[in-house]
Amino acid sequence: ADLASKCTVNEAYNYIHAGKINEALVMLRKVKKDSALRGDNLTASMCKSAILFAKRVGKASLYEGEEQQQQQMEKETVIEEEKKSVENEHHYLSSGKRRQLTVDDFQRIRIFRE
């Protein structure tokens, strides 16, 4: 029973790393309760550590999600600004005025053959 409980703790860590925090917490709490009833303090302390780790990973992933949302909003803002710039450029070119630069002004990637 002790070895099976330790294997379950290991399985819970796999769930944590896979991002399934809630499933891991349910599993860990059950194992912690069972091991405490059996008097297996080592497995109970392993569960306690794993639960703490799961909560920290959960908080970190929430923060990461907020950070990714912020980056996505910034990307969308840049894309909108680029669209406006391109529209203004096309308007400028269609008005008959000449420019010194190319139409799109993007850096080109050149491939050289040896």
Protein backbone atom coordinates (compact mmCIF):
# COMPACT_ATOMS: atom_id res chain seq x y z
CA ALA A 1 0.00 0.00 0.00
CA ASP A 2 2.89 2.35 0.75
CA LEU A 3 4.50 1.79 -2.63
CA ALA A 4 1.18 2.24 -4.43
CA SER A 5 0.64 5.54 -2.61
CA LYS A 6 4.11 6.76 -3.60
CA CYS A 7 3.41 5.80 -7.20
CA THR A 8 0.15 7.77 -7.04
CA VAL A 9 2.09 10.81 -5.79
CA ASN A 10 4.40 10.42 -8.78
CA GLU A 11 1.37 10.17 -11.07
CA ALA A 12 0.02 13.38 -9.53
CA TYR A 13 3.30 15.14 -10.40
CA ASN A 14 2.77 14.03 -13.99
CA TYR A 15 -0.67 15.61 -13.94
CA ILE A 16 0.81 18.82 -12.53
CA HIS A 17 3.40 18.99 -15.28
CA ALA A 18 0.67 18.36 -17.84
CA GLY A 19 -1.27 21.35 -16.49
CA LYS A 20 -4.07 19.31 -14.90
CA ILE A 21 -3.66 20.88 -11.47
CA ASN A 22 -7.16 20.16 -10.14
CA GLU A 23 -6.96 16.45 -10.97
CA ALA A 24 -3.57 16.24 -9.27
CA LEU A 25 -4.85 18.02 -6.15
CA VAL A 26 -7.82 15.65 -5.82
CA MET A 27 -5.51 12.66 -6.17
CA LEU A 28 -2.97 14.04 -3.68
CA ARG A 29 -5.56 14.90 -1.03
CA LYS A 30 -7.00 11.38 -1.21
CA VAL A 31 -3.56 9.77 -0.89
CA LYS A 32 -2.63 12.13 1.95
CA LYS A 33 -5.78 11.21 3.86
CA ASP A 34 -5.25 7.46 3.30
CA SER A 35 -1.57 7.57 4.27
CA ALA A 36 -2.36 9.57 7.43
CA LEU A 37 -4.92 6.92 8.44
CA ARG A 38 -2.29 4.21 7.93
CA GLY A 39 0.33 6.19 9.86
CA ASP A 40 2.60 6.57 6.82
CA ASN A 41 4.14 9.95 7.62
CA LEU A 42 6.64 9.83 4.75
CA THR A 43 3.97 9.55 2.06
CA ALA A 44 1.83 12.16 3.84
CA SER A 45 4.74 14.62 3.78
CA MET A 46 5.36 13.80 0.10
CA CYS A 47 1.72 14.65 -0.57
CA LYS A 48 2.03 17.89 1.37
CA SER A 49 5.03 18.91 -0.74
CA ALA A 50 3.31 17.93 -3.96
CA ILE A 51 0.18 19.91 -3.02
CA LEU A 52 2.31 22.98 -2.31
CA PHE A 53 4.08 22.52 -5.65
CA ALA A 54 0.76 22.15 -7.48
CA LYS A 55 -0.59 25.36 -5.96
CA ARG A 56 2.56 27.27 -6.92
CA VAL A 57 2.44 25.94 -10.47
CA GLY A 58 -1.23 26.92 -10.66
CA LYS A 59 -0.47 30.48 -9.54
CA ALA A 60 2.46 30.72 -11.96
CA SER A 61 0.35 29.52 -14.88
CA LEU A 62 -2.33 32.11 -14.07
CA TYR A 63 0.33 34.81 -14.07
CA GLU A 64 1.75 33.45 -17.32
CA GLY A 65 -1.74 33.48 -18.86
CA GLU A 66 -2.19 37.14 -17.92
CA GLU A 67 1.23 37.93 -19.35
CA GLN A 68 0.37 36.16 -22.61
CA GLN A 69 -2.91 38.09 -22.85
CA GLN A 70 -0.97 41.35 -22.43
CA GLN A 71 1.49 40.33 -25.16
CA GLN A 72 -1.37 39.38 -27.47
CA MET A 73 -3.01 42.76 -26.94
CA GLU A 74 0.28 44.49 -27.70
CA LYS A 75 0.67 42.44 -30.90
CA GLU A 76 -2.85 43.35 -31.99
CA THR A 77 -2.10 47.03 -31.37
CA VAL A 78 1.07 46.83 -33.46
CA ILE A 79 -0.81 45.06 -36.27
CA GLU A 80 -3.50 47.76 -36.28
CA GLU A 81 -0.84 50.47 -36.41
CA GLU A 82 0.88 48.68 -39.30
CA LYS A 83 -2.44 48.43 -41.18
CA LYS A 84 -3.00 52.17 -40.76
CA SER A 85 0.54 52.85 -41.94
CA VAL A 86 0.06 50.70 -45.05
CA GLU A 87 -3.28 52.39 -45.80
CA ASN A 88 -1.66 55.81 -45.48
CA GLU A 89 1.19 54.69 -47.74
CA HIS A 90 -1.20 53.46 -50.43
CA HIS A 91 -3.15 56.69 -50.19
CA TYR A 92 0.10 58.65 -50.52
CA LEU A 93 1.19 56.63 -53.57
CA SER A 94 -2.22 56.79 -55.24
CA SER A 95 -2.31 60.57 -54.87
CA GLY A 96 0.42 60.90 -57.53
CA LYS A 97 3.30 61.93 -55.27
CA ARG A 98 6.60 60.07 -55.71
CA ARG A 99 8.67 58.53 -52.97
CA GLN A 100 12.31 57.58 -52.77
CA LEU A 101 11.69 54.29 -50.95
CA THR A 102 10.12 51.07 -52.18
CA VAL A 103 6.38 50.56 -52.01
CA ASP A 104 6.45 48.29 -48.95
CA ASP A 105 9.74 49.35 -47.27
CA PHE A 106 10.27 45.86 -45.79
CA GLN A 107 13.69 44.30 -45.39
CA ARG A 108 14.28 41.60 -47.97
CA ILE A 109 15.90 38.24 -47.31
CA ARG A 110 18.43 37.42 -49.97
CA ILE A 111 19.51 33.88 -50.76
CA PHE A 112 22.88 33.45 -52.42
CA ARG A 113 23.92 30.41 -54.40
CA GLU A 114 27.46 29.20 -54.04
